[in-house]
C-alpha atoms as a PDB file:
ATOM      1  CA  MET A   1      -0.030  -0.305   0.070  1.00  0.00           C
ATOM      2  CA  GLY A   2       1.157   3.726  -0.626  1.00  0.00           C
ATOM      3  CA  ARG A   3       1.478   6.344   1.453  1.00  0.00           C
ATOM      4  CA  ILE A   4      -0.120   9.904   1.166  1.00  0.00           C
ATOM      5  CA  LEU A   5       1.977  13.086   1.016  1.00  0.00           C
ATOM      6  CA  ALA A   6       0.276  16.183   2.079  1.00  0.00           C
ATOM      7  CA  ILE A   7       1.527  19.433   0.724  1.00  0.00           C
ATOM      8  CA  ASP A   8       0.561  22.796   2.335  1.00  0.00           C
ATOM      9  CA  TYR A   9       1.694  25.113  -0.485  1.00  0.00           C
ATOM     10  CA  GLY A  10       2.996  28.477   0.380  1.00  0.00           C
ATOM     11  CA  THR A  11       4.597  31.398  -1.799  1.00  0.00           C
ATOM     12  CA  LYS A  12       7.645  31.366   0.900  1.00  0.00           C
ATOM     13  CA  ARG A  13       7.671  28.375   2.555  1.00  0.00           C
ATOM     14  CA  THR A  14       5.719  24.720   2.061  1.00  0.00           C
ATOM     15  CA  GLY A  15       4.728  22.410   4.538  1.00  0.00           C
ATOM     16  CA  LEU A  16       4.990  18.593   3.729  1.00  0.00           C
ATOM     17  CA  ALA A  17       3.323  15.800   5.634  1.00  0.00           C
ATOM     18  CA  ALA A  18       3.047  12.157   5.373  1.00  0.00           C
ATOM     19  CA  ILE A  19       0.246   9.511   6.664  1.00  0.00           C
ATOM     20  CA  ASP A  20       1.064   6.557   8.748  1.00  0.00           C
ATOM     21  CA  PRO A  21       0.422   3.277   6.967  1.00  0.00           C
ATOM     22  CA  LEU A  22      -3.003   2.675   8.314  1.00  0.00           C
ATOM     23  CA  LYS A  23      -4.155   6.072   7.199  1.00  0.00           C
ATOM     24  CA  ILE A  24      -5.169   7.245  10.290  1.00  0.00           C
ATOM     25  CA  ILE A  25      -2.672  10.236  11.513  1.00  0.00           C
ATOM     26  CA  ALA A  26      -0.262  12.945   9.316  1.00  0.00           C
ATOM     27  CA  THR A  27       2.532  13.246  10.688  1.00  0.00           C
ATOM     28  CA  ALA A  28       4.721  16.584   9.787  1.00  0.00           C
ATOM     29  CA  LEU A  29       7.712  15.706   7.569  1.00  0.00           C
ATOM     30  CA  ASP A  30       9.378  19.265   7.305  1.00  0.00           C
ATOM     31  CA  THR A  31       9.066  22.698   5.755  1.00  0.00           C
ATOM     32  CA  VAL A  32      10.947  23.568   3.031  1.00  0.00           C
ATOM     33  CA  GLU A  33      11.498  26.884   0.962  1.00  0.00           C
ATOM     34  CA  THR A  34       9.087  26.506  -1.920  1.00  0.00           C
ATOM     35  CA  THR A  35      11.606  26.617  -4.625  1.00  0.00           C
ATOM     36  CA  GLN A  36      13.255  23.843  -3.025  1.00  0.00           C
ATOM     37  CA  VAL A  37       9.956  21.762  -3.083  1.00  0.00           C
ATOM     38  CA  LEU A  38      10.964  19.495  -5.806  1.00  0.00           C
ATOM     39  CA  CYS A  39      14.214  18.901  -4.438  1.00  0.00           C
ATOM     40  CA  PHE A  40      12.962  17.640  -1.321  1.00  0.00           C
ATOM     41  CA  TYR A  41      10.310  15.708  -3.175  1.00  0.00           C
ATOM     42  CA  ALA A  42      13.029  13.830  -5.022  1.00  0.00           C
ATOM     43  CA  THR A  43      15.345  13.193  -2.111  1.00  0.00           C
ATOM     44  CA  ILE A  44      12.205  11.341  -0.079  1.00  0.00           C
ATOM     45  CA  LEU A  45      11.215   9.131  -3.270  1.00  0.00           C
ATOM     46  CA  LYS A  46      15.005   8.269  -3.573  1.00  0.00           C
ATOM     47  CA  ARG A  47      14.911   7.238   0.333  1.00  0.00           C
ATOM     48  CA  SER A  48      11.536   5.131   0.215  1.00  0.00           C
ATOM     49  CA  SER A  49      12.690   3.087  -2.847  1.00  0.00           C
END
């Protein structure tokens, strides 16, 4: 089963959270500069593979 990534997009910073495997609770991953979101997302994908 996949997990859900929640994105709280902002003009300066973007918050990222992931839901637990049972899809009950979302936990904050990090807050990053909006310009760096794609790099951060790529890093998460590499780490989870």
